[in-house]
C-alpha atoms as a PDB file:
ATOM      1  CA  MET A   1     -13.041  22.118 -17.013  1.00  0.00           C
ATOM      2  CA  PRO A   2     -14.970  21.955 -20.564  1.00  0.00           C
ATOM      3  CA  ARG A   3     -18.699  22.883 -20.453  1.00  0.00           C
ATOM      4  CA  GLY A   4     -20.932  20.282 -19.773  1.00  0.00           C
ATOM      5  CA  ARG A   5     -18.411  18.156 -17.824  1.00  0.00           C
ATOM      6  CA  LYS A   6     -18.537  17.349 -14.075  1.00  0.00           C
ATOM      7  CA  HIS A   7     -15.621  16.817 -11.578  1.00  0.00           C
ATOM      8  CA  ILE A   8     -15.521  13.361 -10.443  1.00  0.00           C
ATOM      9  CA  SER A   9     -16.118  14.676  -6.804  1.00  0.00           C
ATOM     10  CA  ALA A  10     -19.495  16.142  -7.941  1.00  0.00           C
ATOM     11  CA  VAL A  11     -20.657  12.935  -9.345  1.00  0.00           C
ATOM     12  CA  LEU A  12     -19.806  11.074  -6.073  1.00  0.00           C
ATOM     13  CA  GLN A  13     -21.817  13.617  -4.119  1.00  0.00           C
ATOM     14  CA  GLU A  14     -24.741  13.023  -6.292  1.00  0.00           C
ATOM     15  CA  ASN A  15     -24.463   9.296  -6.234  1.00  0.00           C
ATOM     16  CA  PRO A  16     -24.024   7.757  -2.578  1.00  0.00           C
ATOM     17  CA  GLU A  17     -23.929   4.238  -4.120  1.00  0.00           C
ATOM     18  CA  ALA A  18     -20.987   5.248  -6.281  1.00  0.00           C
ATOM     19  CA  GLU A  19     -19.350   6.866  -3.309  1.00  0.00           C
ATOM     20  CA  ASP A  20     -19.839   3.800  -1.146  1.00  0.00           C
ATOM     21  CA  PHE A  21     -18.301   1.635  -4.001  1.00  0.00           C
ATOM     22  CA  ILE A  22     -15.344   3.904  -4.482  1.00  0.00           C
ATOM     23  CA  PHE A  23     -14.447   4.219  -0.725  1.00  0.00           C
ATOM     24  CA  GLY A  24     -15.504   0.583   0.212  1.00  0.00           C
ATOM     25  CA  GLY A  25     -18.642   1.556   2.287  1.00  0.00           C
ATOM     26  CA  ARG A  26     -16.892   4.346   4.209  1.00  0.00           C
ATOM     27  CA  SER A  27     -17.014   8.027   3.688  1.00  0.00           C
ATOM     28  CA  ALA A  28     -14.184   9.838   1.976  1.00  0.00           C
ATOM     29  CA  ARG A  29     -13.591  11.802   5.336  1.00  0.00           C
ATOM     30  CA  GLN A  30     -13.624   8.634   7.442  1.00  0.00           C
ATOM     31  CA  PRO A  31     -10.055   7.248   8.106  1.00  0.00           C
ATOM     32  CA  SER A  32      -9.344   3.600   7.119  1.00  0.00           C
ATOM     33  CA  SER A  33      -9.264   1.112   9.812  1.00  0.00           C
ATOM     34  CA  HIS A  34      -6.099  -0.208   8.481  1.00  0.00           C
ATOM     35  CA  PRO A  35      -3.370   2.731   8.604  1.00  0.00           C
ATOM     36  CA  ALA A  36      -1.103   2.318   5.749  1.00  0.00           C
ATOM     37  CA  THR A  37       2.529   2.016   6.506  1.00  0.00           C
ATOM     38  CA  GLN A  38       4.362   5.065   6.750  1.00  0.00           C
ATOM     39  CA  PRO A  39       6.774   5.440   3.765  1.00  0.00           C
ATOM     40  CA  PRO A  40      10.089   7.178   4.161  1.00  0.00           C
ATOM     41  CA  LYS A  41      10.293  10.714   3.530  1.00  0.00           C
ATOM     42  CA  SER A  42      11.385  10.315   0.050  1.00  0.00           C
ATOM     43  CA  ARG A  43      11.955   7.240  -2.243  1.00  0.00           C
ATOM     44  CA  ARG A  44      14.224   6.609  -5.098  1.00  0.00           C
ATOM     45  CA  LYS A  45      13.125   4.505  -8.045  1.00  0.00           C
ATOM     46  CA  MET A  46      15.425   1.591  -8.861  1.00  0.00           C
ATOM     47  CA  SER A  47      15.127  -1.417 -11.034  1.00  0.00           C
ATOM     48  CA  ILE A  48      16.511  -4.786  -9.884  1.00  0.00           C
ATOM     49  CA  ARG A  49      16.291  -8.385 -11.097  1.00  0.00           C
ATOM     50  CA  LEU A  50      15.541 -11.039  -8.516  1.00  0.00           C
ATOM     51  CA  PRO A  51      15.864 -14.767  -9.107  1.00  0.00           C
ATOM     52  CA  GLU A  52      12.475 -16.055  -9.911  1.00  0.00           C
ATOM     53  CA  ASP A  53      12.119 -18.104  -6.691  1.00  0.00           C
ATOM     54  CA  LEU A  54      12.633 -15.221  -4.627  1.00  0.00           C
ATOM     55  CA  ASP A  55      10.119 -13.104  -6.614  1.00  0.00           C
ATOM     56  CA  ASP A  56       7.540 -15.951  -6.419  1.00  0.00           C
ATOM     57  CA  VAL A  57       7.959 -16.037  -2.649  1.00  0.00           C
ATOM     58  CA  LEU A  58       7.714 -12.254  -2.342  1.00  0.00           C
ATOM     59  CA  SER A  59       4.640 -12.078  -4.475  1.00  0.00           C
ATOM     60  CA  ASN A  60       3.116 -14.715  -2.283  1.00  0.00           C
ATOM     61  CA  VAL A  61       4.063 -13.058   1.058  1.00  0.00           C
ATOM     62  CA  ARG A  62       2.656  -9.803  -0.374  1.00  0.00           C
ATOM     63  CA  HIS A  63      -0.719 -11.331  -1.271  1.00  0.00           C
ATOM     64  CA  GLU A  64      -0.814 -13.137   2.148  1.00  0.00           C
ATOM     65  CA  ARG A  65      -0.206  -9.863   3.997  1.00  0.00           C
ATOM     66  CA  GLU A  66      -2.574  -7.969   1.990  1.00  0.00           C
ATOM     67  CA  ARG A  67      -5.369 -10.389   2.486  1.00  0.00           C
ATOM     68  CA  ALA A  68      -4.631 -10.358   6.214  1.00  0.00           C
ATOM     69  CA  ARG A  69      -4.590  -6.414   6.179  1.00  0.00           C
ATOM     70  CA  ALA A  70      -8.114  -6.407   4.261  1.00  0.00           C
ATOM     71  CA  ARG A  71      -9.448  -8.761   7.104  1.00  0.00           C
ATOM     72  CA  GLY A  72      -8.054  -6.402   9.662  1.00  0.00           C
ATOM     73  CA  GLN A  73      -5.665  -9.171  10.934  1.00  0.00           C
ATOM     74  CA  LEU A  74      -2.282  -7.524  10.062  1.00  0.00           C
ATOM     75  CA  ALA A  75      -0.884  -5.497  12.970  1.00  0.00           C
ATOM     76  CA  ALA A  76      -0.695  -1.658  12.516  1.00  0.00           C
ATOM     77  CA  GLY A  77       2.702  -0.751  11.182  1.00  0.00           C
ATOM     78  CA  GLN A  78       3.521  -4.008   9.651  1.00  0.00           C
ATOM     79  CA  VAL A  79       4.607  -3.861   5.848  1.00  0.00           C
ATOM     80  CA  TYR A  80       2.659  -5.535   3.099  1.00  0.00           C
ATOM     81  CA  GLU A  81       3.638  -3.844  -0.008  1.00  0.00           C
ATOM     82  CA  LYS A  82       6.667  -5.473  -2.079  1.00  0.00           C
ATOM     83  CA  GLN A  83       8.689  -2.288  -1.911  1.00  0.00           C
ATOM     84  CA  ASP A  84       8.269  -2.049   1.988  1.00  0.00           C
ATOM     85  CA  ILE A  85       9.131  -5.732   2.478  1.00  0.00           C
ATOM     86  CA  ILE A  86      12.268  -5.565   0.286  1.00  0.00           C
ATOM     87  CA  ALA A  87      13.315  -2.107   2.053  1.00  0.00           C
ATOM     88  CA  GLU A  88      12.943  -3.759   5.400  1.00  0.00           C
ATOM     89  CA  ALA A  89      15.068  -6.718   4.490  1.00  0.00           C
ATOM     90  CA  LEU A  90      17.639  -4.638   3.079  1.00  0.00           C
ATOM     91  CA  LYS A  91      17.854  -2.360   6.046  1.00  0.00           C
ATOM     92  CA  ASP A  92      18.203  -5.567   8.150  1.00  0.00           C
ATOM     93  CA  TRP A  93      20.980  -6.739   5.903  1.00  0.00           C
ATOM     94  CA  LEU A  94      22.874  -3.493   5.887  1.00  0.00           C
ATOM     95  CA  THR A  95      22.724  -3.284   9.582  1.00  0.00           C
ATOM     96  CA  LYS A  96      23.945  -6.736  10.133  1.00  0.00           C
ATOM     97  CA  HIS A  97      26.840  -6.301   7.952  1.00  0.00           C
ATOM     98  CA  GLY A  98      27.822  -3.067   9.650  1.00  0.00           C
ATOM     99  CA  TYR A  99      26.902  -0.593   6.780  1.00  0.00           C
ATOM    100  CA  LEU A 100      24.042   0.965   8.882  1.00  0.00           C
ATOM    101  CA  SER A 101      23.954   1.544  12.820  1.00  0.00           C
END
């Protein structure tokens, strides 16, 4: 690291107010009260096009679930990110049509 510069972690250790802001009032070592959904072991990036109405609904659902998660009202393990919502729906579709068992 160049001379005279500090690593961000050093700055946070010196300024509890900044640390509270970054970590939402909890220490970096304290686990979140809202466990993140457990992603699959690996993900593959892909690009798709959705009809506008489906994207609008998906965005609204994501925002609604994110707000519920922030308030502690989303049950543990429930998905709230677009990629997880789409993956869950696609898995259900593939299972229903006999492509997954």
